[in-house]
PDB file of N, CA and C in Angstrom:
ATOM      1  N   MET A   1     111.904  96.905  66.709  1.00  0.00           N
ATOM      2  CA  MET A   1     110.702  97.297  66.025  1.00  0.00           C
ATOM      3  C   MET A   1     111.000  97.790  64.626  1.00  0.00           C
ATOM      4  N   PHE A   2     112.058  98.612  64.495  1.00  0.00           N
ATOM      5  CA  PHE A   2     112.389  99.167  63.196  1.00  0.00           C
ATOM      6  C   PHE A   2     113.625  98.519  62.602  1.00  0.00           C
ATOM      7  N   GLY A   3     114.184  97.547  63.290  1.00  0.00           N
ATOM      8  CA  GLY A   3     115.384  96.892  62.785  1.00  0.00           C
ATOM      9  C   GLY A   3     116.575  97.823  62.809  1.00  0.00           C
ATOM     10  N   GLY A   4     116.647  98.689  63.791  1.00  0.00           N
ATOM     11  CA  GLY A   4     117.715  99.687  63.867  1.00  0.00           C
ATOM     12  C   GLY A   4     118.920  99.176  64.595  1.00  0.00           C
ATOM     13  N   GLY A   5     119.430  98.004  64.217  1.00  0.00           N
ATOM     14  CA  GLY A   5     120.569  97.407  64.889  1.00  0.00           C
ATOM     15  C   GLY A   5     121.747  98.353  65.013  1.00  0.00           C
ATOM     16  N   GLY A   6     122.088  99.072  63.943  1.00  0.00           N
ATOM     17  CA  GLY A   6     123.226  99.968  63.992  1.00  0.00           C
ATOM     18  C   GLY A   6     122.809 101.425  63.906  1.00  0.00           C
ATOM     19  N   MET A   7     121.534 101.706  64.022  1.00  0.00           N
ATOM     20  CA  MET A   7     121.056 103.080  63.870  1.00  0.00           C
ATOM     21  C   MET A   7     121.372 103.895  65.113  1.00  0.00           C
ATOM     22  N   ASN A   8     121.758 105.120  64.890  1.00  0.00           N
ATOM     23  CA  ASN A   8     122.097 105.989  66.003  1.00  0.00           C
ATOM     24  C   ASN A   8     120.820 106.421  66.727  1.00  0.00           C
ATOM     25  N   PRO A   9     120.844 106.441  68.066  1.00  0.00           N
ATOM     26  CA  PRO A   9     119.647 106.701  68.864  1.00  0.00           C
ATOM     27  C   PRO A   9     118.981 108.048  68.542  1.00  0.00           C
ATOM     28  N   ARG A  10     119.783 109.059  68.241  1.00  0.00           N
ATOM     29  CA  ARG A  10     119.206 110.362  67.921  1.00  0.00           C
ATOM     30  C   ARG A  10     118.404 110.292  66.625  1.00  0.00           C
ATOM     31  N   LYS A  11     118.937 109.590  65.645  1.00  0.00           N
ATOM     32  CA  LYS A  11     118.245 109.414  64.357  1.00  0.00           C
ATOM     33  C   LYS A  11     116.940 108.628  64.581  1.00  0.00           C
ATOM     34  N   MET A  12     116.996 107.607  65.434  1.00  0.00           N
ATOM     35  CA  MET A  12     115.817 106.799  65.740  1.00  0.00           C
ATOM     36  C   MET A  12     114.736 107.674  66.377  1.00  0.00           C
ATOM     37  N   LYS A  13     115.126 108.528  67.363  1.00  0.00           N
ATOM     38  CA  LYS A  13     114.172 109.429  68.007  1.00  0.00           C
ATOM     39  C   LYS A  13     113.545 110.376  66.994  1.00  0.00           C
ATOM     40  N   GLN A  14     114.357 110.899  66.088  1.00  0.00           N
ATOM     41  CA  GLN A  14     113.876 111.821  65.062  1.00  0.00           C
ATOM     42  C   GLN A  14     112.853 111.134  64.154  1.00  0.00           C
ATOM     43  N   MET A  15     113.148 109.914  63.747  1.00  0.00           N
ATOM     44  CA  MET A  15     112.232 109.161  62.891  1.00  0.00           C
ATOM     45  C   MET A  15     110.907 108.896  63.609  1.00  0.00           C
ATOM     46  N   MET A  16     110.995 108.523  64.888  1.00  0.00           N
ATOM     47  CA  MET A  16     109.787 108.224  65.650  1.00  0.00           C
ATOM     48  C   MET A  16     108.944 109.487  65.830  1.00  0.00           C
ATOM     49  N   LYS A  17     109.595 110.622  66.058  1.00  0.00           N
ATOM     50  CA  LYS A  17     108.869 111.877  66.211  1.00  0.00           C
ATOM     51  C   LYS A  17     108.153 112.235  64.905  1.00  0.00           C
ATOM     52  N   GLN A  18     108.809 112.030  63.772  1.00  0.00           N
ATOM     53  CA  GLN A  18     108.198 112.312  62.474  1.00  0.00           C
ATOM     54  C   GLN A  18     106.969 111.432  62.242  1.00  0.00           C
ATOM     55  N   MET A  19     106.994 110.223  62.768  1.00  0.00           N
ATOM     56  CA  MET A  19     105.881 109.296  62.598  1.00  0.00           C
ATOM     57  C   MET A  19     104.794 109.497  63.668  1.00  0.00           C
ATOM     58  N   GLY A  20     104.985 110.475  64.561  1.00  0.00           N
ATOM     59  CA  GLY A  20     103.981 110.764  65.582  1.00  0.00           C
ATOM     60  C   GLY A  20     104.028 109.811  66.755  1.00  0.00           C
ATOM     61  N   ILE A  21     105.188 109.246  67.041  1.00  0.00           N
ATOM     62  CA  ILE A  21     105.345 108.305  68.149  1.00  0.00           C
ATOM     63  C   ILE A  21     106.105 108.998  69.270  1.00  0.00           C
ATOM     64  N   ASP A  22     105.518 109.013  70.465  1.00  0.00           N
ATOM     65  CA  ASP A  22     106.134 109.639  71.629  1.00  0.00           C
ATOM     66  C   ASP A  22     106.501 108.544  72.625  1.00  0.00           C
ATOM     67  N   VAL A  23     107.777 108.509  73.045  1.00  0.00           N
ATOM     68  CA  VAL A  23     108.255 107.487  73.976  1.00  0.00           C
ATOM     69  C   VAL A  23     108.621 108.159  75.292  1.00  0.00           C
ATOM     70  N   THR A  24     108.106 107.603  76.415  1.00  0.00           N
ATOM     71  CA  THR A  24     108.353 108.156  77.736  1.00  0.00           C
ATOM     72  C   THR A  24     108.799 107.055  78.683  1.00  0.00           C
ATOM     73  N   GLU A  25     109.879 107.317  79.430  1.00  0.00           N
ATOM     74  CA  GLU A  25     110.325 106.393  80.476  1.00  0.00           C
ATOM     75  C   GLU A  25     109.509 106.681  81.730  1.00  0.00           C
ATOM     76  N   LEU A  26     108.951 105.650  82.357  1.00  0.00           N
ATOM     77  CA  LEU A  26     108.175 105.820  83.582  1.00  0.00           C
ATOM     78  C   LEU A  26     109.014 105.405  84.785  1.00  0.00           C
ATOM     79  N   ASP A  27     108.842 106.110  85.887  1.00  0.00           N
ATOM     80  CA  ASP A  27     109.558 105.801  87.118  1.00  0.00           C
ATOM     81  C   ASP A  27     108.710 104.836  87.943  1.00  0.00           C
ATOM     82  N   ALA A  28     108.675 103.583  87.527  1.00  0.00           N
ATOM     83  CA  ALA A  28     107.840 102.576  88.186  1.00  0.00           C
ATOM     84  C   ALA A  28     108.608 101.915  89.326  1.00  0.00           C
ATOM     85  N   GLU A  29     107.926 101.750  90.452  1.00  0.00           N
ATOM     86  CA  GLU A  29     108.528 101.067  91.594  1.00  0.00           C
ATOM     87  C   GLU A  29     108.280  99.567  91.521  1.00  0.00           C
ATOM     88  N   GLU A  30     107.099  99.201  91.030  1.00  0.00           N
ATOM     89  CA  GLU A  30     106.741  97.789  90.960  1.00  0.00           C
ATOM     90  C   GLU A  30     105.685  97.606  89.881  1.00  0.00           C
ATOM     91  N   VAL A  31     105.791  96.498  89.141  1.00  0.00           N
ATOM     92  CA  VAL A  31     104.789  96.147  88.144  1.00  0.00           C
ATOM     93  C   VAL A  31     104.299  94.745  88.470  1.00  0.00           C
ATOM     94  N   VAL A  32     102.967  94.581  88.546  1.00  0.00           N
ATOM     95  CA  VAL A  32     102.387  93.279  88.861  1.00  0.00           C
ATOM     96  C   VAL A  32     101.485  92.860  87.711  1.00  0.00           C
ATOM     97  N   ILE A  33     101.737  91.680  87.179  1.00  0.00           N
ATOM     98  CA  ILE A  33     100.904  91.103  86.130  1.00  0.00           C
ATOM     99  C   ILE A  33     100.219  89.890  86.737  1.00  0.00           C
ATOM    100  N   LYS A  34      98.880  89.926  86.772  1.00  0.00           N
ATOM    101  CA  LYS A  34      98.114  88.828  87.358  1.00  0.00           C
ATOM    102  C   LYS A  34      97.547  87.970  86.240  1.00  0.00           C
ATOM    103  N   THR A  35      97.820  86.672  86.323  1.00  0.00           N
ATOM    104  CA  THR A  35      97.224  85.712  85.401  1.00  0.00           C
ATOM    105  C   THR A  35      96.236  84.870  86.194  1.00  0.00           C
ATOM    106  N   ALA A  36      95.612  83.920  85.551  1.00  0.00           N
ATOM    107  CA  ALA A  36      94.651  83.061  86.236  1.00  0.00           C
ATOM    108  C   ALA A  36      95.325  82.214  87.320  1.00  0.00           C
ATOM    109  N   ASP A  37      96.613  81.894  87.136  1.00  0.00           N
ATOM    110  CA  ASP A  37      97.299  80.979  88.041  1.00  0.00           C
ATOM    111  C   ASP A  37      98.310  81.633  88.973  1.00  0.00           C
ATOM    112  N   GLU A  38      98.887  82.773  88.554  1.00  0.00           N
ATOM    113  CA  GLU A  38      99.997  83.333  89.313  1.00  0.00           C
ATOM    114  C   GLU A  38     100.095  84.843  89.114  1.00  0.00           C
ATOM    115  N   GLU A  39     100.995  85.438  89.886  1.00  0.00           N
ATOM    116  CA  GLU A  39     101.323  86.844  89.735  1.00  0.00           C
ATOM    117  C   GLU A  39     102.793  86.945  89.363  1.00  0.00           C
ATOM    118  N   LEU A  40     103.100  87.803  88.395  1.00  0.00           N
ATOM    119  CA  LEU A  40     104.479  88.109  88.048  1.00  0.00           C
ATOM    120  C   LEU A  40     104.756  89.498  88.597  1.00  0.00           C
ATOM    121  N   VAL A  41     105.713  89.592  89.524  1.00  0.00           N
ATOM    122  CA  VAL A  41     106.005  90.857  90.183  1.00  0.00           C
ATOM    123  C   VAL A  41     107.391  91.325  89.750  1.00  0.00           C
ATOM    124  N   PHE A  42     107.422  92.489  89.094  1.00  0.00           N
ATOM    125  CA  PHE A  42     108.676  93.084  88.645  1.00  0.00           C
ATOM    126  C   PHE A  42     109.022  94.215  89.604  1.00  0.00           C
ATOM    127  N   SER A  43     110.129  94.082  90.331  1.00  0.00           N
ATOM    128  CA  SER A  43     110.618  95.161  91.184  1.00  0.00           C
ATOM    129  C   SER A  43     111.767  95.823  90.439  1.00  0.00           C
ATOM    130  N   ASP A  44     111.841  97.130  90.519  1.00  0.00           N
ATOM    131  CA  ASP A  44     112.885  97.896  89.830  1.00  0.00           C
ATOM    132  C   ASP A  44     112.902  97.621  88.327  1.00  0.00           C
ATOM    133  N   ALA A  45     111.745  97.522  87.724  1.00  0.00           N
ATOM    134  CA  ALA A  45     111.650  97.267  86.287  1.00  0.00           C
ATOM    135  C   ALA A  45     111.784  98.573  85.513  1.00  0.00           C
ATOM    136  N   GLN A  46     112.287  98.469  84.294  1.00  0.00           N
ATOM    137  CA  GLN A  46     112.300  99.606  83.380  1.00  0.00           C
ATOM    138  C   GLN A  46     110.975  99.568  82.625  1.00  0.00           C
ATOM    139  N   VAL A  47     110.210 100.650  82.702  1.00  0.00           N
ATOM    140  CA  VAL A  47     108.916 100.706  82.034  1.00  0.00           C
ATOM    141  C   VAL A  47     108.927 101.864  81.053  1.00  0.00           C
ATOM    142  N   THR A  48     108.554 101.570  79.824  1.00  0.00           N
ATOM    143  CA  THR A  48     108.500 102.573  78.766  1.00  0.00           C
ATOM    144  C   THR A  48     107.087 102.628  78.218  1.00  0.00           C
ATOM    145  N   ARG A  49     106.555 103.855  78.077  1.00  0.00           N
ATOM    146  CA  ARG A  49     105.238 104.041  77.480  1.00  0.00           C
ATOM    147  C   ARG A  49     105.444 104.654  76.095  1.00  0.00           C
ATOM    148  N   MET A  50     104.808 104.048  75.092  1.00  0.00           N
ATOM    149  CA  MET A  50     104.896 104.552  73.736  1.00  0.00           C
ATOM    150  C   MET A  50     103.500 104.941  73.277  1.00  0.00           C
ATOM    151  N   ASP A  51     103.329 106.231  72.914  1.00  0.00           N
ATOM    152  CA  ASP A  51     102.057 106.737  72.406  1.00  0.00           C
ATOM    153  C   ASP A  51     102.173 106.861  70.898  1.00  0.00           C
ATOM    154  N   ALA A  52     101.342 106.120  70.193  1.00  0.00           N
ATOM    155  CA  ALA A  52     101.339 106.164  68.730  1.00  0.00           C
ATOM    156  C   ALA A  52      99.898 106.241  68.251  1.00  0.00           C
ATOM    157  N   GLN A  53      99.530 107.351  67.662  1.00  0.00           N
ATOM    158  CA  GLN A  53      98.198 107.552  67.096  1.00  0.00           C
ATOM    159  C   GLN A  53      97.094 107.264  68.113  1.00  0.00           C
ATOM    160  N   GLY A  54      97.285 107.765  69.332  1.00  0.00           N
ATOM    161  CA  GLY A  54      96.264 107.606  70.362  1.00  0.00           C
ATOM    162  C   GLY A  54      96.266 106.262  71.063  1.00  0.00           C
ATOM    163  N   GLN A  55      97.127 105.359  70.665  1.00  0.00           N
ATOM    164  CA  GLN A  55      97.219 104.025  71.287  1.00  0.00           C
ATOM    165  C   GLN A  55      98.449 103.992  72.187  1.00  0.00           C
ATOM    166  N   GLU A  56      98.258 103.660  73.462  1.00  0.00           N
ATOM    167  CA  GLU A  56      99.377 103.557  74.401  1.00  0.00           C
ATOM    168  C   GLU A  56      99.829 102.106  74.518  1.00  0.00           C
ATOM    169  N   THR A  57     101.142 101.916  74.425  1.00  0.00           N
ATOM    170  CA  THR A  57     101.735 100.597  74.582  1.00  0.00           C
ATOM    171  C   THR A  57     102.800 100.689  75.671  1.00  0.00           C
ATOM    172  N   TYR A  58     102.824  99.709  76.574  1.00  0.00           N
ATOM    173  CA  TYR A  58     103.788  99.697  77.662  1.00  0.00           C
ATOM    174  C   TYR A  58     104.760  98.534  77.475  1.00  0.00           C
ATOM    175  N   GLN A  59     106.031  98.811  77.728  1.00  0.00           N
ATOM    176  CA  GLN A  59     107.058  97.773  77.660  1.00  0.00           C
ATOM    177  C   GLN A  59     107.698  97.666  79.039  1.00  0.00           C
ATOM    178  N   VAL A  60     107.749  96.447  79.580  1.00  0.00           N
ATOM    179  CA  VAL A  60     108.323  96.194  80.889  1.00  0.00           C
ATOM    180  C   VAL A  60     109.559  95.329  80.702  1.00  0.00           C
ATOM    181  N   VAL A  61     110.694  95.801  81.223  1.00  0.00           N
ATOM    182  CA  VAL A  61     111.939  95.048  81.117  1.00  0.00           C
ATOM    183  C   VAL A  61     112.457  94.787  82.530  1.00  0.00           C
ATOM    184  N   GLY A  62     112.692  93.526  82.854  1.00  0.00           N
ATOM    185  CA  GLY A  62     113.201  93.160  84.170  1.00  0.00           C
ATOM    186  C   GLY A  62     112.963  91.691  84.440  1.00  0.00           C
ATOM    187  N   GLU A  63     113.440  91.246  85.577  1.00  0.00           N
ATOM    188  CA  GLU A  63     113.277  89.854  85.983  1.00  0.00           C
ATOM    189  C   GLU A  63     112.122  89.766  86.979  1.00  0.00           C
ATOM    190  N   PRO A  64     111.072  89.025  86.652  1.00  0.00           N
ATOM    191  CA  PRO A  64     109.938  88.943  87.586  1.00  0.00           C
ATOM    192  C   PRO A  64     110.143  87.885  88.660  1.00  0.00           C
ATOM    193  N   GLU A  65     109.496  88.134  89.783  1.00  0.00           N
ATOM    194  CA  GLU A  65     109.378  87.128  90.837  1.00  0.00           C
ATOM    195  C   GLU A  65     107.995  86.515  90.644  1.00  0.00           C
ATOM    196  N   THR A  66     107.904  85.211  90.670  1.00  0.00           N
ATOM    197  CA  THR A  66     106.620  84.535  90.473  1.00  0.00           C
ATOM    198  C   THR A  66     106.019  84.190  91.825  1.00  0.00           C
ATOM    199  N   ARG A  67     104.753  84.568  91.995  1.00  0.00           N
ATOM    200  CA  ARG A  67     104.036  84.228  93.227  1.00  0.00           C
ATOM    201  C   ARG A  67     102.745  83.538  92.849  1.00  0.00           C
ATOM    202  N   GLU A  68     102.349  82.580  93.693  1.00  0.00           N
ATOM    203  CA  GLU A  68     101.049  81.938  93.495  1.00  0.00           C
ATOM    204  C   GLU A  68      99.972  82.963  93.770  1.00  0.00           C
ATOM    205  N   LEU A  69      98.875  82.855  93.081  1.00  0.00           N
ATOM    206  CA  LEU A  69      97.769  83.784  93.278  1.00  0.00           C
ATOM    207  C   LEU A  69      97.286  83.697  94.716  1.00  0.00           C
ATOM    208  N   GLY A  70      97.126  84.846  95.352  1.00  0.00           N
ATOM    209  CA  GLY A  70      96.681  84.887  96.734  1.00  0.00           C
ATOM    210  C   GLY A  70      97.819  84.926  97.730  1.00  0.00           C
ATOM    211  N   ALA A  71      99.048  84.686  97.289  1.00  0.00           N
ATOM    212  CA  ALA A  71     100.180  84.686  98.212  1.00  0.00           C
ATOM    213  C   ALA A  71     100.410  86.077  98.787  1.00  0.00           C
ATOM    214  N   SER A  72     100.213  87.121  97.988  1.00  0.00           N
ATOM    215  CA  SER A  72     100.421  88.479  98.486  1.00  0.00           C
ATOM    216  C   SER A  72      99.362  88.856  99.510  1.00  0.00           C
ATOM    217  N   ASP A  73      98.139  88.349  99.367  1.00  0.00           N
ATOM    218  CA  ASP A  73      97.090  88.633 100.331  1.00  0.00           C
ATOM    219  C   ASP A  73      97.440  88.058 101.696  1.00  0.00           C
ATOM    220  N   ASP A  74      97.986  86.838 101.716  1.00  0.00           N
ATOM    221  CA  ASP A  74      98.381  86.211 102.967  1.00  0.00           C
ATOM    222  C   ASP A  74      99.493  87.003 103.627  1.00  0.00           C
ATOM    223  N   ALA A  75     100.455  87.479 102.834  1.00  0.00           N
ATOM    224  CA  ALA A  75     101.575  88.253 103.371  1.00  0.00           C
ATOM    225  C   ALA A  75     101.074  89.565 103.954  1.00  0.00           C
ATOM    226  N   ASP A  76     100.123  90.211 103.294  1.00  0.00           N
ATOM    227  CA  ASP A  76      99.579  91.470 103.791  1.00  0.00           C
ATOM    228  C   ASP A  76      98.887  91.273 105.126  1.00  0.00           C
ATOM    229  N   GLU A  77      98.116  90.201 105.275  1.00  0.00           N
ATOM    230  CA  GLU A  77      97.419  89.943 106.520  1.00  0.00           C
ATOM    231  C   GLU A  77      98.398  89.641 107.634  1.00  0.00           C
ATOM    232  N   ALA A  78      99.507  89.003 107.302  1.00  0.00           N
ATOM    233  CA  ALA A  78     100.500  88.696 108.313  1.00  0.00           C
ATOM    234  C   ALA A  78     101.184  89.983 108.792  1.00  0.00           C
ATOM    235  N   ASP A  79     101.336  90.984 107.912  1.00  0.00           N
ATOM    236  CA  ASP A  79     101.995  92.227 108.273  1.00  0.00           C
ATOM    237  C   ASP A  79     101.207  93.004 109.308  1.00  0.00           C
ATOM    238  N   ASP A  80      99.892  93.124 109.091  1.00  0.00           N
ATOM    239  CA  ASP A  80      99.082  93.938 109.973  1.00  0.00           C
ATOM    240  C   ASP A  80      97.612  93.648 109.717  1.00  0.00           C
ATOM    241  N   GLY A  81      96.926  93.113 110.689  1.00  0.00           N
ATOM    242  CA  GLY A  81      95.532  92.754 110.486  1.00  0.00           C
ATOM    243  C   GLY A  81      94.558  93.854 110.867  1.00  0.00           C
ATOM    244  N   SER A  82      95.055  95.030 111.324  1.00  0.00           N
ATOM    245  CA  SER A  82      94.160  96.065 111.818  1.00  0.00           C
ATOM    246  C   SER A  82      93.396  96.788 110.725  1.00  0.00           C
ATOM    247  N   ASP A  83      93.832  96.717 109.476  1.00  0.00           N
ATOM    248  CA  ASP A  83      93.179  97.442 108.385  1.00  0.00           C
ATOM    249  C   ASP A  83      92.554  96.492 107.381  1.00  0.00           C
ATOM    250  N   GLY A  84      92.097  95.356 107.811  1.00  0.00           N
ATOM    251  CA  GLY A  84      91.514  94.407 106.880  1.00  0.00           C
ATOM    252  C   GLY A  84      92.567  93.800 105.976  1.00  0.00           C
ATOM    253  N   GLY A  85      93.812  93.684 106.461  1.00  0.00           N
ATOM    254  CA  GLY A  85      94.866  93.057 105.677  1.00  0.00           C
ATOM    255  C   GLY A  85      95.753  94.028 104.934  1.00  0.00           C
ATOM    256  N   ILE A  86      95.519  95.333 105.033  1.00  0.00           N
ATOM    257  CA  ILE A  86      96.366  96.305 104.338  1.00  0.00           C
ATOM    258  C   ILE A  86      97.336  96.903 105.350  1.00  0.00           C
ATOM    259  N   PRO A  87      98.635  96.708 105.117  1.00  0.00           N
ATOM    260  CA  PRO A  87      99.642  97.215 106.060  1.00  0.00           C
ATOM    261  C   PRO A  87      99.656  98.746 106.104  1.00  0.00           C
ATOM    262  N   ASP A  88      99.959  99.285 107.295  1.00  0.00           N
ATOM    263  CA  ASP A  88     100.057 100.739 107.450  1.00  0.00           C
ATOM    264  C   ASP A  88     101.122 101.320 106.531  1.00  0.00           C
ATOM    265  N   SER A  89     102.197 100.572 106.291  1.00  0.00           N
ATOM    266  CA  SER A  89     103.265 101.076 105.417  1.00  0.00           C
ATOM    267  C   SER A  89     102.745 101.301 104.001  1.00  0.00           C
ATOM    268  N   ASP A  90     101.871 100.422 103.508  1.00  0.00           N
ATOM    269  CA  ASP A  90     101.277 100.599 102.178  1.00  0.00           C
ATOM    270  C   ASP A  90     100.379 101.833 102.146  1.00  0.00           C
ATOM    271  N   ILE A  91      99.612 102.024 103.221  1.00  0.00           N
ATOM    272  CA  ILE A  91      98.720 103.187 103.299  1.00  0.00           C
ATOM    273  C   ILE A  91      99.539 104.469 103.278  1.00  0.00           C
ATOM    274  N   GLU A  92     100.649 104.491 104.024  1.00  0.00           N
ATOM    275  CA  GLU A  92     101.513 105.675 104.063  1.00  0.00           C
ATOM    276  C   GLU A  92     102.128 105.954 102.699  1.00  0.00           C
ATOM    277  N   ILE A  93     102.562 104.909 101.997  1.00  0.00           N
ATOM    278  CA  ILE A  93     103.162 105.082 100.664  1.00  0.00           C
ATOM    279  C   ILE A  93     102.146 105.702  99.718  1.00  0.00           C
ATOM    280  N   VAL A  94     100.932 105.167  99.693  1.00  0.00           N
ATOM    281  CA  VAL A  94      99.895 105.677  98.786  1.00  0.00           C
ATOM    282  C   VAL A  94      99.537 107.112  99.149  1.00  0.00           C
ATOM    283  N   ALA A  95      99.368 107.399 100.441  1.00  0.00           N
ATOM    284  CA  ALA A  95      99.013 108.750 100.882  1.00  0.00           C
ATOM    285  C   ALA A  95     100.084 109.753 100.469  1.00  0.00           C
ATOM    286  N   GLN A  96     101.344 109.375 100.666  1.00  0.00           N
ATOM    287  CA  GLN A  96     102.443 110.273 100.339  1.00  0.00           C
ATOM    288  C   GLN A  96     102.566 110.484  98.830  1.00  0.00           C
ATOM    289  N   ARG A  97     102.541 109.407  98.059  1.00  0.00           N
ATOM    290  CA  ARG A  97     102.719 109.506  96.601  1.00  0.00           C
ATOM    291  C   ARG A  97     101.562 110.241  95.926  1.00  0.00           C
ATOM    292  N   ALA A  98     100.340 110.034  96.413  1.00  0.00           N
ATOM    293  CA  ALA A  98      99.166 110.637  95.777  1.00  0.00           C
ATOM    294  C   ALA A  98      98.791 111.973  96.426  1.00  0.00           C
ATOM    295  N   GLY A  99      99.415 112.305  97.564  1.00  0.00           N
ATOM    296  CA  GLY A  99      99.126 113.562  98.231  1.00  0.00           C
ATOM    297  C   GLY A  99      97.728 113.616  98.824  1.00  0.00           C
ATOM    298  N   VAL A 100      97.289 112.502  99.423  1.00  0.00           N
ATOM    299  CA  VAL A 100      95.952 112.436 100.022  1.00  0.00           C
ATOM    300  C   VAL A 100      96.065 112.000 101.478  1.00  0.00           C
ATOM    301  N   SER A 101      94.931 112.016 102.181  1.00  0.00           N
ATOM    302  CA  SER A 101      94.918 111.584 103.580  1.00  0.00           C
ATOM    303  C   SER A 101      95.066 110.063 103.654  1.00  0.00           C
ATOM    304  N   LYS A 102      95.396 109.597 104.861  1.00  0.00           N
ATOM    305  CA  LYS A 102      95.543 108.146 105.061  1.00  0.00           C
ATOM    306  C   LYS A 102      94.215 107.430 104.874  1.00  0.00           C
ATOM    307  N   ASP A 103      93.111 108.076 105.255  1.00  0.00           N
ATOM    308  CA  ASP A 103      91.793 107.456 105.067  1.00  0.00           C
ATOM    309  C   ASP A 103      91.483 107.264 103.580  1.00  0.00           C
ATOM    310  N   GLU A 104      91.785 108.298 102.778  1.00  0.00           N
ATOM    311  CA  GLU A 104      91.555 108.182 101.332  1.00  0.00           C
ATOM    312  C   GLU A 104      92.454 107.100 100.729  1.00  0.00           C
ATOM    313  N   ALA A 105      93.697 107.058 101.206  1.00  0.00           N
ATOM    314  CA  ALA A 105      94.638 106.052 100.717  1.00  0.00           C
ATOM    315  C   ALA A 105      94.150 104.647 101.066  1.00  0.00           C
ATOM    316  N   ARG A 106      93.656 104.460 102.300  1.00  0.00           N
ATOM    317  CA  ARG A 106      93.146 103.151 102.729  1.00  0.00           C
ATOM    318  C   ARG A 106      91.962 102.719 101.858  1.00  0.00           C
ATOM    319  N   GLU A 107      91.038 103.664 101.604  1.00  0.00           N
ATOM    320  CA  GLU A 107      89.874 103.347 100.773  1.00  0.00           C
ATOM    321  C   GLU A 107      90.297 102.950  99.358  1.00  0.00           C
ATOM    322  N   ALA A 108      91.259 103.677  98.805  1.00  0.00           N
ATOM    323  CA  ALA A 108      91.733 103.369  97.448  1.00  0.00           C
ATOM    324  C   ALA A 108      92.392 101.992  97.413  1.00  0.00           C
ATOM    325  N   LEU A 109      93.191 101.679  98.437  1.00  0.00           N
ATOM    326  CA  LEU A 109      93.840 100.367  98.499  1.00  0.00           C
ATOM    327  C   LEU A 109      92.809  99.249  98.636  1.00  0.00           C
ATOM    328  N   GLU A 110      91.797  99.460  99.462  1.00  0.00           N
ATOM    329  CA  GLU A 110      90.754  98.450  99.622  1.00  0.00           C
ATOM    330  C   GLU A 110      89.994  98.244  98.310  1.00  0.00           C
ATOM    331  N   ALA A 111      89.722  99.342  97.610  1.00  0.00           N
ATOM    332  CA  ALA A 111      88.996  99.245  96.334  1.00  0.00           C
ATOM    333  C   ALA A 111      89.812  98.500  95.284  1.00  0.00           C
ATOM    334  N   GLU A 112      91.141  98.588  95.386  1.00  0.00           N
ATOM    335  CA  GLU A 112      92.021  97.938  94.401  1.00  0.00           C
ATOM    336  C   GLU A 112      92.595  96.624  94.920  1.00  0.00           C
ATOM    337  N   GLY A 113      92.074  96.112  95.998  1.00  0.00           N
ATOM    338  CA  GLY A 113      92.528  94.833  96.526  1.00  0.00           C
ATOM    339  C   GLY A 113      93.963  94.868  97.025  1.00  0.00           C
ATOM    340  N   GLY A 114      94.425  96.046  97.499  1.00  0.00           N
ATOM    341  CA  GLY A 114      95.773  96.161  98.032  1.00  0.00           C
ATOM    342  C   GLY A 114      96.832  96.505  97.000  1.00  0.00           C
ATOM    343  N   ASP A 115      96.439  96.718  95.752  1.00  0.00           N
ATOM    344  CA  ASP A 115      97.387  97.033  94.676  1.00  0.00           C
ATOM    345  C   ASP A 115      97.836  98.489  94.801  1.00  0.00           C
ATOM    346  N   LEU A 116      99.110  98.699  95.202  1.00  0.00           N
ATOM    347  CA  LEU A 116      99.642 100.041  95.427  1.00  0.00           C
ATOM    348  C   LEU A 116      99.588 100.908  94.174  1.00  0.00           C
ATOM    349  N   ALA A 117     100.102 100.381  93.079  1.00  0.00           N
ATOM    350  CA  ALA A 117     100.188 101.163  91.841  1.00  0.00           C
ATOM    351  C   ALA A 117      98.807 101.584  91.351  1.00  0.00           C
ATOM    352  N   ALA A 118      97.846 100.685  91.386  1.00  0.00           N
ATOM    353  CA  ALA A 118      96.494 101.005  90.928  1.00  0.00           C
ATOM    354  C   ALA A 118      95.835 102.039  91.831  1.00  0.00           C
ATOM    355  N   ALA A 119      96.052 101.923  93.146  1.00  0.00           N
ATOM    356  CA  ALA A 119      95.469 102.875  94.088  1.00  0.00           C
ATOM    357  C   ALA A 119      96.042 104.272  93.854  1.00  0.00           C
ATOM    358  N   ILE A 120      97.358 104.356  93.676  1.00  0.00           N
ATOM    359  CA  ILE A 120      97.998 105.650  93.414  1.00  0.00           C
ATOM    360  C   ILE A 120      97.499 106.231  92.094  1.00  0.00           C
ATOM    361  N   ALA A 121      97.433 105.413  91.075  1.00  0.00           N
ATOM    362  CA  ALA A 121      96.987 105.878  89.750  1.00  0.00           C
ATOM    363  C   ALA A 121      95.562 106.415  89.826  1.00  0.00           C
ATOM    364  N   ASN A 122      94.684 105.764  90.573  1.00  0.00           N
ATOM    365  CA  ASN A 122      93.297 106.216  90.682  1.00  0.00           C
ATOM    366  C   ASN A 122      93.158 107.506  91.466  1.00  0.00           C
ATOM    367  N   LEU A 123      94.096 107.758  92.388  1.00  0.00           N
ATOM    368  CA  LEU A 123      94.015 108.967  93.210  1.00  0.00           C
ATOM    369  C   LEU A 123      94.659 110.177  92.527  1.00  0.00           C
ATOM    370  N   GLU A 124      95.553 109.939  91.583  1.00  0.00           N
ATOM    371  CA  GLU A 124      96.257 111.064  90.944  1.00  0.00           C
ATOM    372  C   GLU A 124      95.449 111.714  89.870  1.00  0.00           C
TER     373      GLU A 124
END
């Protein structure tokens, strides 16, 4: 961004702070990008959020797995059909991460079409 090929990281941080840019590393478990044709799923991706003048920008670094659209829905239904296609393990993850009941977690997952990250974000 700044052409800092040989610039020392501390100097770069200082310059960014002077310009009002705040950079934060996020502890993301999974990032899903949905396009019209497919889903790009990044597991163990490095995610950085940069706040500059009220505008948030996210950078995702990692190797994505490509899935056809709807493939994750089929996999969810195969895991457990008792919750309308949402596996109990997903409900437990959301409940634990967001600190809510399993019923609230299930509702959030259903509202987000089974998207774990979106359900957790909405509950926090």
